[in-house]
Amino acid sequence: MNIIALSERVLGMEDLEIEVEYQSVTIGKYDLGFDGTNFILLAKQTACLAKEACGVEDSPKKELLNLAGAAKGCVPGGGCC
């Protein structure tokens, strides 16, 4: 925190959001949080800007069917299990 505070004073920076890149198997981008003692990497939600290039497609939502039927339900001793 002291390094950040000193940098803000010396560079005349305002209080801005910080984004962190962290590399493990892939490079991830995170927001940075602080719990009063430790810095915490916070998951960031991003949108794919080239869905057609990375195989992500929007698909229509499908309606679920009740396979048990409205009139029949599974009850103890009913033989359906």
PDB file of N, CA and C in Angstrom:
ATOM      1  N   MET A   1       0.837  -1.193   0.000  1.00  0.00           N
ATOM      2  CA  MET A   1       0.000   0.000   0.000  1.00  0.00           C
ATOM      3  C   MET A   1       0.882   1.257   0.000  1.00  0.00           C
ATOM      4  N   ASN A   2       2.005   1.188   0.705  1.00  0.00           N
ATOM      5  CA  ASN A   2       2.896   2.351   0.752  1.00  0.00           C
ATOM      6  C   ASN A   2       3.447   2.676  -0.630  1.00  0.00           C
ATOM      7  N   ILE A   3       3.795   1.645  -1.402  1.00  0.00           N
ATOM      8  CA  ILE A   3       4.320   1.861  -2.757  1.00  0.00           C
ATOM      9  C   ILE A   3       3.266   2.520  -3.634  1.00  0.00           C
ATOM     10  N   ILE A   4       2.030   2.052  -3.533  1.00  0.00           N
ATOM     11  CA  ILE A   4       0.950   2.627  -4.338  1.00  0.00           C
ATOM     12  C   ILE A   4       0.689   4.068  -3.916  1.00  0.00           C
ATOM     13  N   ALA A   5       0.645   4.336  -2.606  1.00  0.00           N
ATOM     14  CA  ALA A   5       0.402   5.696  -2.113  1.00  0.00           C
ATOM     15  C   ALA A   5       1.518   6.643  -2.563  1.00  0.00           C
ATOM     16  N   LEU A   6       2.765   6.193  -2.472  1.00  0.00           N
ATOM     17  CA  LEU A   6       3.892   7.019  -2.912  1.00  0.00           C
ATOM     18  C   LEU A   6       3.816   7.288  -4.409  1.00  0.00           C
ATOM     19  N   SER A   7       3.491   6.259  -5.203  1.00  0.00           N
ATOM     20  CA  SER A   7       3.370   6.425  -6.658  1.00  0.00           C
ATOM     21  C   SER A   7       2.279   7.428  -7.000  1.00  0.00           C
ATOM     22  N   GLU A   8       1.167   7.367  -6.288  1.00  0.00           N
ATOM     23  CA  GLU A   8       0.070   8.314  -6.541  1.00  0.00           C
ATOM     24  C   GLU A   8       0.518   9.747  -6.268  1.00  0.00           C
ATOM     25  N   ARG A   9       1.250   9.947  -5.172  1.00  0.00           N
ATOM     26  CA  ARG A   9       1.720  11.307  -4.836  1.00  0.00           C
ATOM     27  C   ARG A   9       2.757  11.803  -5.839  1.00  0.00           C
ATOM     28  N   VAL A  10       3.748  10.975  -6.138  1.00  0.00           N
ATOM     29  CA  VAL A  10       4.847  11.388  -7.014  1.00  0.00           C
ATOM     30  C   VAL A  10       4.367  11.610  -8.439  1.00  0.00           C
ATOM     31  N   LEU A  11       3.517  10.727  -8.925  1.00  0.00           N
ATOM     32  CA  LEU A  11       3.051  10.817 -10.308  1.00  0.00           C
ATOM     33  C   LEU A  11       1.794  11.667 -10.462  1.00  0.00           C
ATOM     34  N   GLY A  12       1.247  12.144  -9.351  1.00  0.00           N
ATOM     35  CA  GLY A  12       0.040  12.962  -9.417  1.00  0.00           C
ATOM     36  C   GLY A  12      -1.154  12.188  -9.950  1.00  0.00           C
ATOM     37  N   MET A  13      -1.236  10.919  -9.591  1.00  0.00           N
ATOM     38  CA  MET A  13      -2.320  10.066 -10.091  1.00  0.00           C
ATOM     39  C   MET A  13      -3.553  10.187  -9.201  1.00  0.00           C
ATOM     40  N   GLU A  14      -4.699  10.020  -9.821  1.00  0.00           N
ATOM     41  CA  GLU A  14      -5.936   9.981  -9.052  1.00  0.00           C
ATOM     42  C   GLU A  14      -6.220   8.542  -8.656  1.00  0.00           C
ATOM     43  N   ASP A  15      -7.242   8.323  -7.869  1.00  0.00           N
ATOM     44  CA  ASP A  15      -7.616   6.989  -7.403  1.00  0.00           C
ATOM     45  C   ASP A  15      -8.328   6.252  -8.542  1.00  0.00           C
ATOM     46  N   LEU A  16      -7.604   5.397  -9.244  1.00  0.00           N
ATOM     47  CA  LEU A  16      -8.143   4.672 -10.392  1.00  0.00           C
ATOM     48  C   LEU A  16      -8.264   3.187 -10.087  1.00  0.00           C
ATOM     49  N   GLU A  17      -9.071   2.483 -10.879  1.00  0.00           N
ATOM     50  CA  GLU A  17      -9.160   1.036 -10.739  1.00  0.00           C
ATOM     51  C   GLU A  17      -7.894   0.396 -11.282  1.00  0.00           C
ATOM     52  N   ILE A  18      -7.504  -0.705 -10.670  1.00  0.00           N
ATOM     53  CA  ILE A  18      -6.308  -1.426 -11.088  1.00  0.00           C
ATOM     54  C   ILE A  18      -6.734  -2.766 -11.673  1.00  0.00           C
ATOM     55  N   GLU A  19      -6.117  -3.127 -12.803  1.00  0.00           N
ATOM     56  CA  GLU A  19      -6.360  -4.430 -13.416  1.00  0.00           C
ATOM     57  C   GLU A  19      -5.038  -5.197 -13.397  1.00  0.00           C
ATOM     58  N   VAL A  20      -5.092  -6.462 -12.998  1.00  0.00           N
ATOM     59  CA  VAL A  20      -3.896  -7.279 -12.863  1.00  0.00           C
ATOM     60  C   VAL A  20      -3.965  -8.432 -13.849  1.00  0.00           C
ATOM     61  N   GLU A  21      -2.846  -8.715 -14.521  1.00  0.00           N
ATOM     62  CA  GLU A  21      -2.741  -9.915 -15.349  1.00  0.00           C
ATOM     63  C   GLU A  21      -1.899 -10.921 -14.592  1.00  0.00           C
ATOM     64  N   TYR A  22      -2.394 -12.166 -14.537  1.00  0.00           N
ATOM     65  CA  TYR A  22      -1.694 -13.225 -13.818  1.00  0.00           C
ATOM     66  C   TYR A  22      -1.605 -14.428 -14.731  1.00  0.00           C
ATOM     67  N   GLN A  23      -0.401 -14.976 -14.879  1.00  0.00           N
ATOM     68  CA  GLN A  23      -0.231 -16.111 -15.782  1.00  0.00           C
ATOM     69  C   GLN A  23      -0.064 -17.393 -14.989  1.00  0.00           C
ATOM     70  N   SER A  24      -0.960 -18.346 -15.289  1.00  0.00           N
ATOM     71  CA  SER A  24      -0.799 -19.708 -14.793  1.00  0.00           C
ATOM     72  C   SER A  24      -0.768 -20.573 -16.043  1.00  0.00           C
ATOM     73  N   VAL A  25      -1.807 -21.355 -16.312  1.00  0.00           N
ATOM     74  CA  VAL A  25      -1.879 -22.108 -17.560  1.00  0.00           C
ATOM     75  C   VAL A  25      -2.163 -21.148 -18.714  1.00  0.00           C
ATOM     76  N   THR A  26      -3.031 -20.175 -18.466  1.00  0.00           N
ATOM     77  CA  THR A  26      -3.309 -19.113 -19.425  1.00  0.00           C
ATOM     78  C   THR A  26      -3.134 -17.778 -18.705  1.00  0.00           C
ATOM     79  N   ILE A  27      -3.192 -16.700 -19.443  1.00  0.00           N
ATOM     80  CA  ILE A  27      -3.103 -15.377 -18.824  1.00  0.00           C
ATOM     81  C   ILE A  27      -4.516 -14.918 -18.492  1.00  0.00           C
ATOM     82  N   GLY A  28      -4.747 -14.628 -17.230  1.00  0.00           N
ATOM     83  CA  GLY A  28      -6.056 -14.160 -16.788  1.00  0.00           C
ATOM     84  C   GLY A  28      -5.984 -12.711 -16.356  1.00  0.00           C
ATOM     85  N   LYS A  29      -7.084 -11.988 -16.531  1.00  0.00           N
ATOM     86  CA  LYS A  29      -7.168 -10.596 -16.075  1.00  0.00           C
ATOM     87  C   LYS A  29      -8.086 -10.540 -14.866  1.00  0.00           C
ATOM     88  N   TYR A  30      -7.666  -9.805 -13.854  1.00  0.00           N
ATOM     89  CA  TYR A  30      -8.401  -9.723 -12.602  1.00  0.00           C
ATOM     90  C   TYR A  30      -8.498  -8.277 -12.143  1.00  0.00           C
ATOM     91  N   ASP A  31      -9.568  -7.980 -11.415  1.00  0.00           N
ATOM     92  CA  ASP A  31      -9.629  -6.730 -10.673  1.00  0.00           C
ATOM     93  C   ASP A  31      -8.856  -6.971  -9.383  1.00  0.00           C
ATOM     94  N   LEU A  32      -8.444  -5.912  -8.732  1.00  0.00           N
ATOM     95  CA  LEU A  32      -7.659  -6.040  -7.512  1.00  0.00           C
ATOM     96  C   LEU A  32      -8.465  -5.498  -6.348  1.00  0.00           C
ATOM     97  N   GLY A  33      -8.633  -6.315  -5.334  1.00  0.00           N
ATOM     98  CA  GLY A  33      -9.347  -5.904  -4.129  1.00  0.00           C
ATOM     99  C   GLY A  33      -8.383  -5.846  -2.955  1.00  0.00           C
ATOM    100  N   PHE A  34      -8.832  -5.284  -1.858  1.00  0.00           N
ATOM    101  CA  PHE A  34      -8.015  -5.198  -0.648  1.00  0.00           C
ATOM    102  C   PHE A  34      -8.923  -5.440   0.542  1.00  0.00           C
ATOM    103  N   ASP A  35      -8.576  -6.404   1.396  1.00  0.00           N
ATOM    104  CA  ASP A  35      -9.432  -6.742   2.531  1.00  0.00           C
ATOM    105  C   ASP A  35      -8.995  -6.078   3.837  1.00  0.00           C
ATOM    106  N   GLY A  36      -8.125  -5.064   3.729  1.00  0.00           N
ATOM    107  CA  GLY A  36      -7.616  -4.381   4.915  1.00  0.00           C
ATOM    108  C   GLY A  36      -6.221  -4.850   5.281  1.00  0.00           C
ATOM    109  N   THR A  37      -5.867  -6.062   4.831  1.00  0.00           N
ATOM    110  CA  THR A  37      -4.542  -6.616   5.108  1.00  0.00           C
ATOM    111  C   THR A  37      -3.860  -7.101   3.839  1.00  0.00           C
ATOM    112  N   ASN A  38      -4.622  -7.805   2.993  1.00  0.00           N
ATOM    113  CA  ASN A  38      -4.054  -8.441   1.802  1.00  0.00           C
ATOM    114  C   ASN A  38      -4.731  -7.957   0.530  1.00  0.00           C
ATOM    115  N   PHE A  39      -3.958  -7.959  -0.547  1.00  0.00           N
ATOM    116  CA  PHE A  39      -4.547  -7.729  -1.859  1.00  0.00           C
ATOM    117  C   PHE A  39      -5.176  -9.034  -2.321  1.00  0.00           C
ATOM    118  N   ILE A  40      -6.305  -8.948  -3.011  1.00  0.00           N
ATOM    119  CA  ILE A  40      -7.045 -10.124  -3.455  1.00  0.00           C
ATOM    120  C   ILE A  40      -7.336  -9.984  -4.942  1.00  0.00           C
ATOM    121  N   LEU A  41      -7.077 -11.057  -5.710  1.00  0.00           N
ATOM    122  CA  LEU A  41      -7.449 -11.065  -7.123  1.00  0.00           C
ATOM    123  C   LEU A  41      -8.939 -11.382  -7.208  1.00  0.00           C
ATOM    124  N   LEU A  42      -9.692 -10.531  -7.906  1.00  0.00           N
ATOM    125  CA  LEU A  42     -11.133 -10.706  -8.050  1.00  0.00           C
ATOM    126  C   LEU A  42     -11.449 -11.095  -9.487  1.00  0.00           C
ATOM    127  N   ALA A  43     -12.228 -12.149  -9.662  1.00  0.00           N
ATOM    128  CA  ALA A  43     -12.568 -12.626 -11.005  1.00  0.00           C
ATOM    129  C   ALA A  43     -13.242 -11.523 -11.795  1.00  0.00           C
ATOM    130  N   LYS A  44     -12.886 -11.440 -13.056  1.00  0.00           N
ATOM    131  CA  LYS A  44     -13.414 -10.417 -13.944  1.00  0.00           C
ATOM    132  C   LYS A  44     -14.274 -11.087 -15.000  1.00  0.00           C
ATOM    133  N   GLN A  45     -15.433 -10.549 -15.288  1.00  0.00           N
ATOM    134  CA  GLN A  45     -16.314 -11.073 -16.327  1.00  0.00           C
ATOM    135  C   GLN A  45     -16.053 -10.304 -17.609  1.00  0.00           C
ATOM    136  N   THR A  46     -15.715 -11.027 -18.656  1.00  0.00           N
ATOM    137  CA  THR A  46     -15.475 -10.381 -19.937  1.00  0.00           C
ATOM    138  C   THR A  46     -16.338 -11.039 -21.007  1.00  0.00           C
ATOM    139  N   ALA A  47     -16.559 -10.339 -22.086  1.00  0.00           N
ATOM    140  CA  ALA A  47     -17.321 -10.874 -23.212  1.00  0.00           C
ATOM    141  C   ALA A  47     -16.349 -11.192 -24.340  1.00  0.00           C
ATOM    142  N   CYS A  48     -16.602 -12.292 -25.024  1.00  0.00           N
ATOM    143  CA  CYS A  48     -15.790 -12.646 -26.174  1.00  0.00           C
ATOM    144  C   CYS A  48     -16.139 -11.679 -27.303  1.00  0.00           C
ATOM    145  N   LEU A  49     -15.123 -11.018 -27.836  1.00  0.00           N
ATOM    146  CA  LEU A  49     -15.371 -10.022 -28.873  1.00  0.00           C
ATOM    147  C   LEU A  49     -15.368 -10.620 -30.277  1.00  0.00           C
ATOM    148  N   ALA A  50     -14.952 -11.869 -30.412  1.00  0.00           N
ATOM    149  CA  ALA A  50     -14.925 -12.531 -31.724  1.00  0.00           C
ATOM    150  C   ALA A  50     -15.475 -13.943 -31.576  1.00  0.00           C
ATOM    151  N   LYS A  51     -16.761 -14.042 -31.243  1.00  0.00           N
ATOM    152  CA  LYS A  51     -17.368 -15.338 -30.968  1.00  0.00           C
ATOM    153  C   LYS A  51     -17.215 -16.316 -32.128  1.00  0.00           C
ATOM    154  N   GLU A  52     -17.318 -15.806 -33.343  1.00  0.00           N
ATOM    155  CA  GLU A  52     -17.209 -16.694 -34.504  1.00  0.00           C
ATOM    156  C   GLU A  52     -15.804 -17.255 -34.650  1.00  0.00           C
ATOM    157  N   ALA A  53     -14.790 -16.567 -34.130  1.00  0.00           N
ATOM    158  CA  ALA A  53     -13.411 -17.016 -34.264  1.00  0.00           C
ATOM    159  C   ALA A  53     -13.015 -18.018 -33.177  1.00  0.00           C
ATOM    160  N   CYS A  54     -13.702 -17.999 -32.049  1.00  0.00           N
ATOM    161  CA  CYS A  54     -13.297 -18.896 -30.958  1.00  0.00           C
ATOM    162  C   CYS A  54     -14.307 -20.009 -30.715  1.00  0.00           C
ATOM    163  N   GLY A  55     -15.271 -20.169 -31.598  1.00  0.00           N
ATOM    164  CA  GLY A  55     -16.197 -21.293 -31.499  1.00  0.00           C
ATOM    165  C   GLY A  55     -17.338 -21.108 -30.522  1.00  0.00           C
ATOM    166  N   VAL A  56     -17.539 -19.895 -30.040  1.00  0.00           N
ATOM    167  CA  VAL A  56     -18.642 -19.628 -29.118  1.00  0.00           C
ATOM    168  C   VAL A  56     -19.817 -19.101 -29.925  1.00  0.00           C
ATOM    169  N   GLU A  57     -20.932 -19.759 -29.795  1.00  0.00           N
ATOM    170  CA  GLU A  57     -22.125 -19.322 -30.523  1.00  0.00           C
ATOM    171  C   GLU A  57     -23.285 -19.173 -29.562  1.00  0.00           C
ATOM    172  N   ASP A  58     -24.119 -18.180 -29.825  1.00  0.00           N
ATOM    173  CA  ASP A  58     -25.350 -18.049 -29.054  1.00  0.00           C
ATOM    174  C   ASP A  58     -26.329 -19.077 -29.582  1.00  0.00           C
ATOM    175  N   SER A  59     -26.909 -19.845 -28.697  1.00  0.00           N
ATOM    176  CA  SER A  59     -27.901 -20.828 -29.131  1.00  0.00           C
ATOM    177  C   SER A  59     -29.226 -20.523 -28.447  1.00  0.00           C
ATOM    178  N   PRO A  60     -30.330 -20.796 -29.136  1.00  0.00           N
ATOM    179  CA  PRO A  60     -31.631 -20.517 -28.522  1.00  0.00           C
ATOM    180  C   PRO A  60     -31.862 -21.435 -27.329  1.00  0.00           C
ATOM    181  N   LYS A  61     -32.526 -20.907 -26.336  1.00  0.00           N
ATOM    182  CA  LYS A  61     -32.842 -21.702 -25.157  1.00  0.00           C
ATOM    183  C   LYS A  61     -33.949 -22.699 -25.507  1.00  0.00           C
ATOM    184  N   LYS A  62     -33.843 -23.896 -24.972  1.00  0.00           N
ATOM    185  CA  LYS A  62     -34.828 -24.930 -25.252  1.00  0.00           C
ATOM    186  C   LYS A  62     -35.727 -25.123 -24.045  1.00  0.00           C
ATOM    187  N   GLU A  63     -36.954 -25.460 -24.317  1.00  0.00           N
ATOM    188  CA  GLU A  63     -37.906 -25.697 -23.247  1.00  0.00           C
ATOM    189  C   GLU A  63     -37.699 -27.102 -22.690  1.00  0.00           C
ATOM    190  N   LEU A  64     -37.714 -27.222 -21.360  1.00  0.00           N
ATOM    191  CA  LEU A  64     -37.560 -28.518 -20.724  1.00  0.00           C
ATOM    192  C   LEU A  64     -38.901 -29.240 -20.681  1.00  0.00           C
ATOM    193  N   LEU A  65     -38.869 -30.544 -20.831  1.00  0.00           N
ATOM    194  CA  LEU A  65     -40.088 -31.343 -20.786  1.00  0.00           C
ATOM    195  C   LEU A  65     -40.165 -32.086 -19.469  1.00  0.00           C
ATOM    196  N   ASN A  66     -41.362 -32.223 -18.935  1.00  0.00           N
ATOM    197  CA  ASN A  66     -41.586 -33.012 -17.728  1.00  0.00           C
ATOM    198  C   ASN A  66     -41.768 -34.459 -18.158  1.00  0.00           C
ATOM    199  N   LEU A  67     -40.719 -35.254 -18.032  1.00  0.00           N
ATOM    200  CA  LEU A  67     -40.773 -36.640 -18.497  1.00  0.00           C
ATOM    201  C   LEU A  67     -41.637 -37.527 -17.610  1.00  0.00           C
ATOM    202  N   ALA A  68     -41.881 -37.129 -16.370  1.00  0.00           N
ATOM    203  CA  ALA A  68     -42.716 -37.922 -15.475  1.00  0.00           C
ATOM    204  C   ALA A  68     -44.195 -37.730 -15.799  1.00  0.00           C
ATOM    205  N   GLY A  69     -44.527 -36.700 -16.530  1.00  0.00           N
ATOM    206  CA  GLY A  69     -45.934 -36.418 -16.844  1.00  0.00           C
ATOM    207  C   GLY A  69     -46.606 -35.674 -15.725  1.00  0.00           C
ATOM    208  N   ALA A  70     -47.626 -34.947 -16.053  1.00  0.00           N
ATOM    209  CA  ALA A  70     -48.309 -34.117 -15.052  1.00  0.00           C
ATOM    210  C   ALA A  70     -49.132 -34.978 -14.102  1.00  0.00           C
ATOM    211  N   ALA A  71     -49.751 -36.044 -14.595  1.00  0.00           N
ATOM    212  CA  ALA A  71     -50.655 -36.849 -13.774  1.00  0.00           C
ATOM    213  C   ALA A  71     -49.912 -37.890 -12.947  1.00  0.00           C
ATOM    214  N   LYS A  72     -48.766 -38.377 -13.442  1.00  0.00           N
ATOM    215  CA  LYS A  72     -48.060 -39.459 -12.747  1.00  0.00           C
ATOM    216  C   LYS A  72     -46.838 -38.898 -12.057  1.00  0.00           C
ATOM    217  N   GLY A  73     -46.643 -39.333 -10.856  1.00  0.00           N
ATOM    218  CA  GLY A  73     -45.441 -38.969 -10.124  1.00  0.00           C
ATOM    219  C   GLY A  73     -44.892 -40.206  -9.473  1.00  0.00           C
ATOM    220  N   CYS A  74     -43.641 -40.191  -9.132  1.00  0.00           N
ATOM    221  CA  CYS A  74     -43.021 -41.328  -8.485  1.00  0.00           C
ATOM    222  C   CYS A  74     -43.298 -41.224  -6.989  1.00  0.00           C
ATOM    223  N   VAL A  75     -43.899 -42.248  -6.433  1.00  0.00           N
ATOM    224  CA  VAL A  75     -44.203 -42.290  -5.001  1.00  0.00           C
ATOM    225  C   VAL A  75     -43.623 -43.557  -4.433  1.00  0.00           C
ATOM    226  N   PRO A  76     -43.316 -43.578  -3.137  1.00  0.00           N
ATOM    227  CA  PRO A  76     -42.798 -44.789  -2.526  1.00  0.00           C
ATOM    228  C   PRO A  76     -43.747 -45.971  -2.759  1.00  0.00           C
ATOM    229  N   GLY A  77     -43.191 -47.090  -3.208  1.00  0.00           N
ATOM    230  CA  GLY A  77     -44.008 -48.274  -3.469  1.00  0.00           C
ATOM    231  C   GLY A  77     -44.732 -48.253  -4.790  1.00  0.00           C
ATOM    232  N   GLY A  78     -44.538 -47.194  -5.602  1.00  0.00           N
ATOM    233  CA  GLY A  78     -45.232 -47.069  -6.872  1.00  0.00           C
ATOM    234  C   GLY A  78     -44.592 -47.857  -7.998  1.00  0.00           C
ATOM    235  N   GLY A  79     -43.400 -48.402  -7.787  1.00  0.00           N
ATOM    236  CA  GLY A  79     -42.748 -49.218  -8.812  1.00  0.00           C
ATOM    237  C   GLY A  79     -42.063 -48.437  -9.904  1.00  0.00           C
ATOM    238  N   CYS A  80     -41.924 -47.150  -9.761  1.00  0.00           N
ATOM    239  CA  CYS A  80     -41.312 -46.368 -10.846  1.00  0.00           C
ATOM    240  C   CYS A  80     -39.814 -46.174 -10.657  1.00  0.00           C
ATOM    241  N   CYS A  81     -39.283 -46.519  -9.508  1.00  0.00           N
ATOM    242  CA  CYS A  81     -37.858 -46.299  -9.234  1.00  0.00           C
ATOM    243  C   CYS A  81     -37.072 -47.588  -9.399  1.00  0.00           C
TER     244      CYS A  81
END
